[in-house]
Amino acid sequence: MKIAALALGSLVAMTGCIGGYPVGMIYTGVAAPDGAIDRAEVGGAGKTDDKEGKVCANGILGLVAWGDAGLDAAKKAGGITEVQAVDHSIFSILGIYTQGCTIVHGK
């Protein structure tokens, strides 16, 4: 019984929140702004985010991972030179397949 309780407690501790946003144990499909750059800080007259660049990194079972989800890769994908906002998305099904993306908005 103690082992089962410990296992359940560990499982719950591994799920919950990443950066303050909810993460599900069975399914996760979350998009969130970057903490350092958000639309509220860079919005205003003359500032539009007419371009978008999105790049993702993927993983399977926490054993293998691949992809470039970096800011520079996202800027290149969208042809962006002036970053106005950065968002992140997280997708996971049972932890078997996971994907983390960086989405850059700007000019």
PDB file of N, CA and C in Angstrom:
ATOM      1  N   MET A   1       0.824  -1.183   0.000  1.00  0.00           N
ATOM      2  CA  MET A   1       0.000   0.000   0.000  1.00  0.00           C
ATOM      3  C   MET A   1       0.877   1.259   0.000  1.00  0.00           C
ATOM      4  N   LYS A   2       1.956   1.241   0.784  1.00  0.00           N
ATOM      5  CA  LYS A   2       2.849   2.394   0.823  1.00  0.00           C
ATOM      6  C   LYS A   2       3.511   2.626  -0.523  1.00  0.00           C
ATOM      7  N   ILE A   3       3.871   1.556  -1.200  1.00  0.00           N
ATOM      8  CA  ILE A   3       4.511   1.682  -2.517  1.00  0.00           C
ATOM      9  C   ILE A   3       3.534   2.278  -3.520  1.00  0.00           C
ATOM     10  N   ALA A   4       2.289   1.841  -3.481  1.00  0.00           N
ATOM     11  CA  ALA A   4       1.269   2.374  -4.391  1.00  0.00           C
ATOM     12  C   ALA A   4       1.045   3.861  -4.134  1.00  0.00           C
ATOM     13  N   ALA A   5       0.992   4.256  -2.872  1.00  0.00           N
ATOM     14  CA  ALA A   5       0.806   5.665  -2.518  1.00  0.00           C
ATOM     15  C   ALA A   5       2.003   6.492  -2.967  1.00  0.00           C
ATOM     16  N   LEU A   6       3.197   5.964  -2.783  1.00  0.00           N
ATOM     17  CA  LEU A   6       4.408   6.657  -3.214  1.00  0.00           C
ATOM     18  C   LEU A   6       4.438   6.810  -4.728  1.00  0.00           C
ATOM     19  N   ALA A   7       4.063   5.752  -5.441  1.00  0.00           N
ATOM     20  CA  ALA A   7       4.036   5.807  -6.902  1.00  0.00           C
ATOM     21  C   ALA A   7       3.022   6.834  -7.390  1.00  0.00           C
ATOM     22  N   LEU A   8       1.835   6.858  -6.798  1.00  0.00           N
ATOM     23  CA  LEU A   8       0.814   7.817  -7.183  1.00  0.00           C
ATOM     24  C   LEU A   8       1.267   9.239  -6.870  1.00  0.00           C
ATOM     25  N   GLY A   9       1.848   9.433  -5.709  1.00  0.00           N
ATOM     26  CA  GLY A   9       2.358  10.758  -5.343  1.00  0.00           C
ATOM     27  C   GLY A   9       3.430  11.240  -6.292  1.00  0.00           C
ATOM     28  N   SER A  10       4.318  10.352  -6.695  1.00  0.00           N
ATOM     29  CA  SER A  10       5.369  10.708  -7.644  1.00  0.00           C
ATOM     30  C   SER A  10       4.787  11.066  -9.000  1.00  0.00           C
ATOM     31  N   LEU A  11       3.797  10.317  -9.428  1.00  0.00           N
ATOM     32  CA  LEU A  11       3.152  10.572 -10.709  1.00  0.00           C
ATOM     33  C   LEU A  11       2.475  11.932 -10.710  1.00  0.00           C
ATOM     34  N   VAL A  12       1.779  12.260  -9.647  1.00  0.00           N
ATOM     35  CA  VAL A  12       1.114  13.556  -9.544  1.00  0.00           C
ATOM     36  C   VAL A  12       2.145  14.675  -9.498  1.00  0.00           C
ATOM     37  N   ALA A  13       3.251  14.457  -8.814  1.00  0.00           N
ATOM     38  CA  ALA A  13       4.295  15.480  -8.719  1.00  0.00           C
ATOM     39  C   ALA A  13       4.946  15.752 -10.066  1.00  0.00           C
ATOM     40  N   MET A  14       4.998  14.751 -10.935  1.00  0.00           N
ATOM     41  CA  MET A  14       5.624  14.933 -12.242  1.00  0.00           C
ATOM     42  C   MET A  14       4.717  15.664 -13.216  1.00  0.00           C
ATOM     43  N   THR A  15       3.440  15.763 -12.903  1.00  0.00           N
ATOM     44  CA  THR A  15       2.517  16.494 -13.752  1.00  0.00           C
ATOM     45  C   THR A  15       2.133  17.771 -13.042  1.00  0.00           C
ATOM     46  N   GLY A  16       1.263  18.537 -13.646  1.00  0.00           N
ATOM     47  CA  GLY A  16       0.794  19.745 -12.976  1.00  0.00           C
ATOM     48  C   GLY A  16       1.074  20.970 -13.785  1.00  0.00           C
ATOM     49  N   CYS A  17       2.171  21.669 -13.502  1.00  0.00           N
ATOM     50  CA  CYS A  17       2.426  22.933 -14.177  1.00  0.00           C
ATOM     51  C   CYS A  17       3.865  23.025 -14.664  1.00  0.00           C
ATOM     52  N   ILE A  18       4.006  23.636 -15.806  1.00  0.00           N
ATOM     53  CA  ILE A  18       5.321  23.997 -16.326  1.00  0.00           C
ATOM     54  C   ILE A  18       5.282  25.492 -16.539  1.00  0.00           C
ATOM     55  N   GLY A  19       6.088  26.222 -15.815  1.00  0.00           N
ATOM     56  CA  GLY A  19       6.102  27.663 -15.967  1.00  0.00           C
ATOM     57  C   GLY A  19       4.780  28.319 -15.599  1.00  0.00           C
ATOM     58  N   GLY A  20       4.003  27.702 -14.732  1.00  0.00           N
ATOM     59  CA  GLY A  20       2.746  28.289 -14.316  1.00  0.00           C
ATOM     60  C   GLY A  20       1.555  27.896 -15.174  1.00  0.00           C
ATOM     61  N   TYR A  21       1.755  27.127 -16.203  1.00  0.00           N
ATOM     62  CA  TYR A  21       0.670  26.690 -17.078  1.00  0.00           C
ATOM     63  C   TYR A  21       0.402  25.215 -16.856  1.00  0.00           C
ATOM     64  N   PRO A  22      -0.854  24.803 -16.952  1.00  0.00           N
ATOM     65  CA  PRO A  22      -1.197  23.416 -16.652  1.00  0.00           C
ATOM     66  C   PRO A  22      -0.640  22.421 -17.661  1.00  0.00           C
ATOM     67  N   VAL A  23      -0.247  21.261 -17.145  1.00  0.00           N
ATOM     68  CA  VAL A  23       0.237  20.164 -17.966  1.00  0.00           C
ATOM     69  C   VAL A  23      -0.525  18.925 -17.526  1.00  0.00           C
ATOM     70  N   GLY A  24      -1.157  18.243 -18.468  1.00  0.00           N
ATOM     71  CA  GLY A  24      -1.952  17.073 -18.129  1.00  0.00           C
ATOM     72  C   GLY A  24      -1.146  15.797 -18.167  1.00  0.00           C
ATOM     73  N   MET A  25      -1.537  14.843 -17.360  1.00  0.00           N
ATOM     74  CA  MET A  25      -0.854  13.559 -17.316  1.00  0.00           C
ATOM     75  C   MET A  25      -1.221  12.717 -18.537  1.00  0.00           C
ATOM     76  N   ILE A  26      -2.466  12.820 -19.012  1.00  0.00           N
ATOM     77  CA  ILE A  26      -2.911  12.028 -20.152  1.00  0.00           C
ATOM     78  C   ILE A  26      -2.742  12.798 -21.454  1.00  0.00           C
ATOM     79  N   TYR A  27      -3.146  14.061 -21.471  1.00  0.00           N
ATOM     80  CA  TYR A  27      -3.069  14.874 -22.691  1.00  0.00           C
ATOM     81  C   TYR A  27      -2.728  16.306 -22.321  1.00  0.00           C
ATOM     82  N   THR A  28      -1.861  16.926 -23.080  1.00  0.00           N
ATOM     83  CA  THR A  28      -1.535  18.338 -22.920  1.00  0.00           C
ATOM     84  C   THR A  28      -1.574  18.997 -24.277  1.00  0.00           C
ATOM     85  N   GLY A  29      -2.236  20.107 -24.375  1.00  0.00           N
ATOM     86  CA  GLY A  29      -2.261  20.932 -25.572  1.00  0.00           C
ATOM     87  C   GLY A  29      -2.346  22.378 -25.119  1.00  0.00           C
ATOM     88  N   VAL A  30      -1.225  22.992 -24.774  1.00  0.00           N
ATOM     89  CA  VAL A  30      -1.185  24.311 -24.153  1.00  0.00           C
ATOM     90  C   VAL A  30      -0.328  25.262 -24.976  1.00  0.00           C
ATOM     91  N   ALA A  31      -0.800  26.493 -25.132  1.00  0.00           N
ATOM     92  CA  ALA A  31      -0.001  27.566 -25.730  1.00  0.00           C
ATOM     93  C   ALA A  31       0.123  28.659 -24.683  1.00  0.00           C
ATOM     94  N   ALA A  32       1.313  29.245 -24.563  1.00  0.00           N
ATOM     95  CA  ALA A  32       1.551  30.250 -23.532  1.00  0.00           C
ATOM     96  C   ALA A  32       2.579  31.257 -24.016  1.00  0.00           C
ATOM     97  N   PRO A  33       2.475  32.497 -23.543  1.00  0.00           N
ATOM     98  CA  PRO A  33       3.465  33.499 -23.934  1.00  0.00           C
ATOM     99  C   PRO A  33       4.785  33.268 -23.221  1.00  0.00           C
ATOM    100  N   ASP A  34       5.845  33.765 -23.809  1.00  0.00           N
ATOM    101  CA  ASP A  34       7.148  33.719 -23.164  1.00  0.00           C
ATOM    102  C   ASP A  34       7.122  34.697 -22.003  1.00  0.00           C
ATOM    103  N   GLY A  35       7.714  34.342 -20.899  1.00  0.00           N
ATOM    104  CA  GLY A  35       7.706  35.209 -19.728  1.00  0.00           C
ATOM    105  C   GLY A  35       8.443  36.518 -19.927  1.00  0.00           C
ATOM    106  N   ALA A  36       9.473  36.527 -20.753  1.00  0.00           N
ATOM    107  CA  ALA A  36      10.285  37.731 -20.934  1.00  0.00           C
ATOM    108  C   ALA A  36       9.693  38.675 -21.971  1.00  0.00           C
ATOM    109  N   ILE A  37       9.016  38.148 -22.971  1.00  0.00           N
ATOM    110  CA  ILE A  37       8.477  38.974 -24.048  1.00  0.00           C
ATOM    111  C   ILE A  37       7.015  38.619 -24.225  1.00  0.00           C
ATOM    112  N   ASP A  38       6.131  39.582 -24.029  1.00  0.00           N
ATOM    113  CA  ASP A  38       4.732  39.315 -24.336  1.00  0.00           C
ATOM    114  C   ASP A  38       4.138  40.485 -25.107  1.00  0.00           C
ATOM    115  N   ARG A  39       2.991  40.285 -25.691  1.00  0.00           N
ATOM    116  CA  ARG A  39       2.371  41.288 -26.555  1.00  0.00           C
ATOM    117  C   ARG A  39       2.070  42.581 -25.820  1.00  0.00           C
ATOM    118  N   ALA A  40       1.748  42.524 -24.548  1.00  0.00           N
ATOM    119  CA  ALA A  40       1.413  43.721 -23.788  1.00  0.00           C
ATOM    120  C   ALA A  40       2.609  44.658 -23.682  1.00  0.00           C
ATOM    121  N   GLU A  41       3.800  44.118 -23.624  1.00  0.00           N
ATOM    122  CA  GLU A  41       4.998  44.931 -23.471  1.00  0.00           C
ATOM    123  C   GLU A  41       5.433  45.586 -24.765  1.00  0.00           C
ATOM    124  N   VAL A  42       5.090  44.986 -25.900  1.00  0.00           N
ATOM    125  CA  VAL A  42       5.594  45.513 -27.168  1.00  0.00           C
ATOM    126  C   VAL A  42       4.488  46.030 -28.070  1.00  0.00           C
ATOM    127  N   GLY A  43       3.241  45.997 -27.605  1.00  0.00           N
ATOM    128  CA  GLY A  43       2.135  46.483 -28.418  1.00  0.00           C
ATOM    129  C   GLY A  43       2.120  47.992 -28.446  1.00  0.00           C
ATOM    130  N   GLY A  44       1.341  48.525 -29.365  1.00  0.00           N
ATOM    131  CA  GLY A  44       1.208  49.975 -29.446  1.00  0.00           C
ATOM    132  C   GLY A  44       1.211  50.431 -30.884  1.00  0.00           C
ATOM    133  N   ALA A  45       1.097  51.734 -31.054  1.00  0.00           N
ATOM    134  CA  ALA A  45       1.037  52.324 -32.391  1.00  0.00           C
ATOM    135  C   ALA A  45       2.276  51.976 -33.198  1.00  0.00           C
ATOM    136  N   GLY A  46       2.066  51.570 -34.431  1.00  0.00           N
ATOM    137  CA  GLY A  46       3.182  51.281 -35.332  1.00  0.00           C
ATOM    138  C   GLY A  46       3.820  49.925 -35.128  1.00  0.00           C
ATOM    139  N   LYS A  47       3.333  49.155 -34.167  1.00  0.00           N
ATOM    140  CA  LYS A  47       3.928  47.842 -33.921  1.00  0.00           C
ATOM    141  C   LYS A  47       2.925  46.763 -34.296  1.00  0.00           C
ATOM    142  N   THR A  48       3.211  46.080 -35.360  1.00  0.00           N
ATOM    143  CA  THR A  48       2.344  44.989 -35.787  1.00  0.00           C
ATOM    144  C   THR A  48       3.176  43.727 -35.883  1.00  0.00           C
ATOM    145  N   ASP A  49       2.534  42.623 -35.693  1.00  0.00           N
ATOM    146  CA  ASP A  49       3.232  41.349 -35.804  1.00  0.00           C
ATOM    147  C   ASP A  49       2.689  40.616 -37.026  1.00  0.00           C
ATOM    148  N   ASP A  50       3.047  41.123 -38.200  1.00  0.00           N
ATOM    149  CA  ASP A  50       2.492  40.595 -39.437  1.00  0.00           C
ATOM    150  C   ASP A  50       3.159  39.308 -39.918  1.00  0.00           C
ATOM    151  N   LYS A  51       4.237  38.895 -39.288  1.00  0.00           N
ATOM    152  CA  LYS A  51       4.904  37.645 -39.655  1.00  0.00           C
ATOM    153  C   LYS A  51       4.927  36.701 -38.464  1.00  0.00           C
ATOM    154  N   GLU A  52       4.983  35.404 -38.771  1.00  0.00           N
ATOM    155  CA  GLU A  52       5.054  34.399 -37.715  1.00  0.00           C
ATOM    156  C   GLU A  52       6.011  33.290 -38.139  1.00  0.00           C
ATOM    157  N   GLY A  53       6.857  32.875 -37.231  1.00  0.00           N
ATOM    158  CA  GLY A  53       7.749  31.745 -37.464  1.00  0.00           C
ATOM    159  C   GLY A  53       7.555  30.722 -36.360  1.00  0.00           C
ATOM    160  N   LYS A  54       7.377  29.467 -36.745  1.00  0.00           N
ATOM    161  CA  LYS A  54       7.128  28.413 -35.761  1.00  0.00           C
ATOM    162  C   LYS A  54       8.086  27.253 -36.000  1.00  0.00           C
ATOM    163  N   VAL A  55       8.737  26.810 -34.944  1.00  0.00           N
ATOM    164  CA  VAL A  55       9.628  25.643 -34.992  1.00  0.00           C
ATOM    165  C   VAL A  55       9.353  24.770 -33.781  1.00  0.00           C
ATOM    166  N   CYS A  56       9.595  23.465 -33.920  1.00  0.00           N
ATOM    167  CA  CYS A  56       9.243  22.531 -32.852  1.00  0.00           C
ATOM    168  C   CYS A  56      10.356  21.509 -32.597  1.00  0.00           C
ATOM    169  N   ALA A  57      10.390  21.006 -31.388  1.00  0.00           N
ATOM    170  CA  ALA A  57      11.233  19.873 -31.006  1.00  0.00           C
ATOM    171  C   ALA A  57      10.302  18.768 -30.529  1.00  0.00           C
ATOM    172  N   ASN A  58      10.661  17.531 -30.793  1.00  0.00           N
ATOM    173  CA  ASN A  58       9.809  16.380 -30.494  1.00  0.00           C
ATOM    174  C   ASN A  58      10.551  15.373 -29.621  1.00  0.00           C
ATOM    175  N   GLY A  59       9.783  14.565 -28.915  1.00  0.00           N
ATOM    176  CA  GLY A  59      10.384  13.520 -28.097  1.00  0.00           C
ATOM    177  C   GLY A  59       9.465  12.315 -27.987  1.00  0.00           C
ATOM    178  N   ILE A  60      10.061  11.158 -27.779  1.00  0.00           N
ATOM    179  CA  ILE A  60       9.307   9.923 -27.599  1.00  0.00           C
ATOM    180  C   ILE A  60       9.760   9.250 -26.305  1.00  0.00           C
ATOM    181  N   LEU A  61       8.796   9.033 -25.414  1.00  0.00           N
ATOM    182  CA  LEU A  61       8.997   8.317 -24.148  1.00  0.00           C
ATOM    183  C   LEU A  61      10.094   8.899 -23.259  1.00  0.00           C
ATOM    184  N   GLY A  62      10.480  10.111 -23.507  1.00  0.00           N
ATOM    185  CA  GLY A  62      11.559  10.694 -22.729  1.00  0.00           C
ATOM    186  C   GLY A  62      12.896  10.030 -23.002  1.00  0.00           C
ATOM    187  N   LEU A  63      12.947   9.221 -24.056  1.00  0.00           N
ATOM    188  CA  LEU A  63      14.173   8.492 -24.397  1.00  0.00           C
ATOM    189  C   LEU A  63      14.942   9.145 -25.537  1.00  0.00           C
ATOM    190  N   VAL A  64      14.219   9.654 -26.523  1.00  0.00           N
ATOM    191  CA  VAL A  64      14.856  10.323 -27.651  1.00  0.00           C
ATOM    192  C   VAL A  64      14.140  11.640 -27.910  1.00  0.00           C
ATOM    193  N   ALA A  65      14.882  12.624 -28.351  1.00  0.00           N
ATOM    194  CA  ALA A  65      14.316  13.928 -28.682  1.00  0.00           C
ATOM    195  C   ALA A  65      15.087  14.508 -29.854  1.00  0.00           C
ATOM    196  N   TRP A  66      14.387  15.294 -30.685  1.00  0.00           N
ATOM    197  CA  TRP A  66      15.021  15.895 -31.852  1.00  0.00           C
ATOM    198  C   TRP A  66      14.294  17.180 -32.214  1.00  0.00           C
ATOM    199  N   GLY A  67      14.969  18.022 -32.961  1.00  0.00           N
ATOM    200  CA  GLY A  67      14.372  19.259 -33.454  1.00  0.00           C
ATOM    201  C   GLY A  67      15.039  20.484 -32.860  1.00  0.00           C
ATOM    202  N   ASP A  68      14.848  21.600 -33.533  1.00  0.00           N
ATOM    203  CA  ASP A  68      15.387  22.880 -33.096  1.00  0.00           C
ATOM    204  C   ASP A  68      14.218  23.819 -32.834  1.00  0.00           C
ATOM    205  N   ALA A  69      13.907  24.051 -31.587  1.00  0.00           N
ATOM    206  CA  ALA A  69      12.818  24.943 -31.216  1.00  0.00           C
ATOM    207  C   ALA A  69      13.363  26.250 -30.651  1.00  0.00           C
ATOM    208  N   GLY A  70      14.527  26.644 -31.129  1.00  0.00           N
ATOM    209  CA  GLY A  70      15.172  27.854 -30.637  1.00  0.00           C
ATOM    210  C   GLY A  70      14.631  29.117 -31.283  1.00  0.00           C
ATOM    211  N   LEU A  71      14.884  30.231 -30.639  1.00  0.00           N
ATOM    212  CA  LEU A  71      14.423  31.532 -31.105  1.00  0.00           C
ATOM    213  C   LEU A  71      14.999  31.871 -32.477  1.00  0.00           C
ATOM    214  N   ASP A  72      16.284  31.637 -32.678  1.00  0.00           N
ATOM    215  CA  ASP A  72      16.893  31.950 -33.969  1.00  0.00           C
ATOM    216  C   ASP A  72      16.274  31.142 -35.101  1.00  0.00           C
ATOM    217  N   ALA A  73      15.989  29.877 -34.860  1.00  0.00           N
ATOM    218  CA  ALA A  73      15.359  29.031 -35.882  1.00  0.00           C
ATOM    219  C   ALA A  73      13.949  29.526 -36.199  1.00  0.00           C
ATOM    220  N   ALA A  74      13.208  29.961 -35.183  1.00  0.00           N
ATOM    221  CA  ALA A  74      11.851  30.474 -35.402  1.00  0.00           C
ATOM    222  C   ALA A  74      11.884  31.782 -36.182  1.00  0.00           C
ATOM    223  N   LYS A  75      12.843  32.651 -35.855  1.00  0.00           N
ATOM    224  CA  LYS A  75      12.983  33.905 -36.606  1.00  0.00           C
ATOM    225  C   LYS A  75      13.284  33.617 -38.070  1.00  0.00           C
ATOM    226  N   LYS A  76      14.179  32.679 -38.310  1.00  0.00           N
ATOM    227  CA  LYS A  76      14.538  32.318 -39.682  1.00  0.00           C
ATOM    228  C   LYS A  76      13.338  31.724 -40.421  1.00  0.00           C
ATOM    229  N   ALA A  77      12.575  30.866 -39.750  1.00  0.00           N
ATOM    230  CA  ALA A  77      11.407  30.222 -40.372  1.00  0.00           C
ATOM    231  C   ALA A  77      10.357  31.237 -40.794  1.00  0.00           C
ATOM    232  N   GLY A  78      10.233  32.329 -40.060  1.00  0.00           N
ATOM    233  CA  GLY A  78       9.238  33.345 -40.375  1.00  0.00           C
ATOM    234  C   GLY A  78       9.784  34.544 -41.117  1.00  0.00           C
ATOM    235  N   GLY A  79      11.087  34.544 -41.380  1.00  0.00           N
ATOM    236  CA  GLY A  79      11.696  35.701 -42.031  1.00  0.00           C
ATOM    237  C   GLY A  79      11.592  36.951 -41.172  1.00  0.00           C
ATOM    238  N   ILE A  80      11.771  36.782 -39.881  1.00  0.00           N
ATOM    239  CA  ILE A  80      11.589  37.866 -38.914  1.00  0.00           C
ATOM    240  C   ILE A  80      12.939  38.431 -38.482  1.00  0.00           C
ATOM    241  N   THR A  81      13.041  39.751 -38.499  1.00  0.00           N
ATOM    242  CA  THR A  81      14.248  40.410 -38.015  1.00  0.00           C
ATOM    243  C   THR A  81      13.982  41.197 -36.737  1.00  0.00           C
ATOM    244  N   GLU A  82      12.732  41.590 -36.527  1.00  0.00           N
ATOM    245  CA  GLU A  82      12.358  42.351 -35.334  1.00  0.00           C
ATOM    246  C   GLU A  82      11.297  41.577 -34.555  1.00  0.00           C
ATOM    247  N   VAL A  83      11.687  40.977 -33.460  1.00  0.00           N
ATOM    248  CA  VAL A  83      10.779  40.155 -32.647  1.00  0.00           C
ATOM    249  C   VAL A  83       9.898  41.054 -31.790  1.00  0.00           C
ATOM    250  N   GLN A  84       8.581  40.782 -31.842  1.00  0.00           N
ATOM    251  CA  GLN A  84       7.645  41.549 -31.019  1.00  0.00           C
ATOM    252  C   GLN A  84       6.962  40.696 -29.966  1.00  0.00           C
ATOM    253  N   ALA A  85       6.879  39.402 -30.187  1.00  0.00           N
ATOM    254  CA  ALA A  85       6.278  38.519 -29.189  1.00  0.00           C
ATOM    255  C   ALA A  85       6.768  37.094 -29.417  1.00  0.00           C
ATOM    256  N   VAL A  86       6.857  36.345 -28.332  1.00  0.00           N
ATOM    257  CA  VAL A  86       7.266  34.945 -28.402  1.00  0.00           C
ATOM    258  C   VAL A  86       6.253  34.126 -27.597  1.00  0.00           C
ATOM    259  N   ASP A  87       5.715  33.094 -28.225  1.00  0.00           N
ATOM    260  CA  ASP A  87       4.798  32.174 -27.557  1.00  0.00           C
ATOM    261  C   ASP A  87       5.408  30.778 -27.581  1.00  0.00           C
ATOM    262  N   HIS A  88       4.939  29.934 -26.682  1.00  0.00           N
ATOM    263  CA  HIS A  88       5.372  28.542 -26.644  1.00  0.00           C
ATOM    264  C   HIS A  88       4.140  27.663 -26.620  1.00  0.00           C
ATOM    265  N   SER A  89       4.217  26.506 -27.247  1.00  0.00           N
ATOM    266  CA  SER A  89       3.126  25.545 -27.149  1.00  0.00           C
ATOM    267  C   SER A  89       3.699  24.198 -26.738  1.00  0.00           C
ATOM    268  N   ILE A  90       2.903  23.466 -25.990  1.00  0.00           N
ATOM    269  CA  ILE A  90       3.300  22.150 -25.496  1.00  0.00           C
ATOM    270  C   ILE A  90       2.194  21.171 -25.856  1.00  0.00           C
ATOM    271  N   PHE A  91       2.577  20.049 -26.424  1.00  0.00           N
ATOM    272  CA  PHE A  91       1.622  19.007 -26.796  1.00  0.00           C
ATOM    273  C   PHE A  91       2.185  17.679 -26.309  1.00  0.00           C
ATOM    274  N   SER A  92       1.339  16.881 -25.662  1.00  0.00           N
ATOM    275  CA  SER A  92       1.784  15.581 -25.171  1.00  0.00           C
ATOM    276  C   SER A  92       0.609  14.628 -25.078  1.00  0.00           C
ATOM    277  N   ILE A  93       0.844  13.398 -25.442  1.00  0.00           N
ATOM    278  CA  ILE A  93      -0.150  12.342 -25.254  1.00  0.00           C
ATOM    279  C   ILE A  93       0.496  11.243 -24.419  1.00  0.00           C
ATOM    280  N   LEU A  94       0.026  11.136 -23.178  1.00  0.00           N
ATOM    281  CA  LEU A  94       0.495  10.119 -22.235  1.00  0.00           C
ATOM    282  C   LEU A  94       2.004  10.122 -22.013  1.00  0.00           C
ATOM    283  N   GLY A  95       2.671  11.181 -22.393  1.00  0.00           N
ATOM    284  CA  GLY A  95       4.118  11.223 -22.274  1.00  0.00           C
ATOM    285  C   GLY A  95       4.820  10.335 -23.284  1.00  0.00           C
ATOM    286  N   ILE A  96       4.041   9.675 -24.129  1.00  0.00           N
ATOM    287  CA  ILE A  96       4.624   8.815 -25.159  1.00  0.00           C
ATOM    288  C   ILE A  96       5.218   9.677 -26.257  1.00  0.00           C
ATOM    289  N   TYR A  97       4.421  10.629 -26.730  1.00  0.00           N
ATOM    290  CA  TYR A  97       4.891  11.574 -27.749  1.00  0.00           C
ATOM    291  C   TYR A  97       4.701  12.975 -27.195  1.00  0.00           C
ATOM    292  N   THR A  98       5.742  13.784 -27.256  1.00  0.00           N
ATOM    293  CA  THR A  98       5.654  15.169 -26.802  1.00  0.00           C
ATOM    294  C   THR A  98       6.218  16.088 -27.872  1.00  0.00           C
ATOM    295  N   GLN A  99       5.718  17.316 -27.875  1.00  0.00           N
ATOM    296  CA  GLN A  99       6.212  18.323 -28.819  1.00  0.00           C
ATOM    297  C   GLN A  99       6.186  19.682 -28.131  1.00  0.00           C
ATOM    298  N   GLY A 100       7.282  20.403 -28.222  1.00  0.00           N
ATOM    299  CA  GLY A 100       7.370  21.747 -27.704  1.00  0.00           C
ATOM    300  C   GLY A 100       7.736  22.684 -28.840  1.00  0.00           C
ATOM    301  N   CYS A 101       6.942  23.749 -29.019  1.00  0.00           N
ATOM    302  CA  CYS A 101       7.160  24.663 -30.141  1.00  0.00           C
ATOM    303  C   CYS A 101       7.412  26.081 -29.646  1.00  0.00           C
ATOM    304  N   THR A 102       8.171  26.822 -30.417  1.00  0.00           N
ATOM    305  CA  THR A 102       8.397  28.249 -30.205  1.00  0.00           C
ATOM    306  C   THR A 102       7.772  28.965 -31.379  1.00  0.00           C
ATOM    307  N   ILE A 103       6.907  29.941 -31.078  1.00  0.00           N
ATOM    308  CA  ILE A 103       6.241  30.721 -32.110  1.00  0.00           C
ATOM    309  C   ILE A 103       6.645  32.175 -31.918  1.00  0.00           C
ATOM    310  N   VAL A 104       7.257  32.751 -32.964  1.00  0.00           N
ATOM    311  CA  VAL A 104       7.746  34.119 -32.903  1.00  0.00           C
ATOM    312  C   VAL A 104       6.880  34.989 -33.801  1.00  0.00           C
ATOM    313  N   HIS A 105       6.493  36.153 -33.290  1.00  0.00           N
ATOM    314  CA  HIS A 105       5.713  37.131 -34.048  1.00  0.00           C
ATOM    315  C   HIS A 105       6.563  38.389 -34.205  1.00  0.00           C
ATOM    316  N   GLY A 106       6.493  39.009 -35.357  1.00  0.00           N
ATOM    317  CA  GLY A 106       7.246  40.239 -35.549  1.00  0.00           C
ATOM    318  C   GLY A 106       7.247  40.703 -36.976  1.00  0.00           C
ATOM    319  N   LYS A 107       8.254  41.500 -37.306  1.00  0.00           N
ATOM    320  CA  LYS A 107       8.398  42.072 -38.648  1.00  0.00           C
ATOM    321  C   LYS A 107       9.597  41.472 -39.337  1.00  0.00           C
TER     322      LYS A 107
END
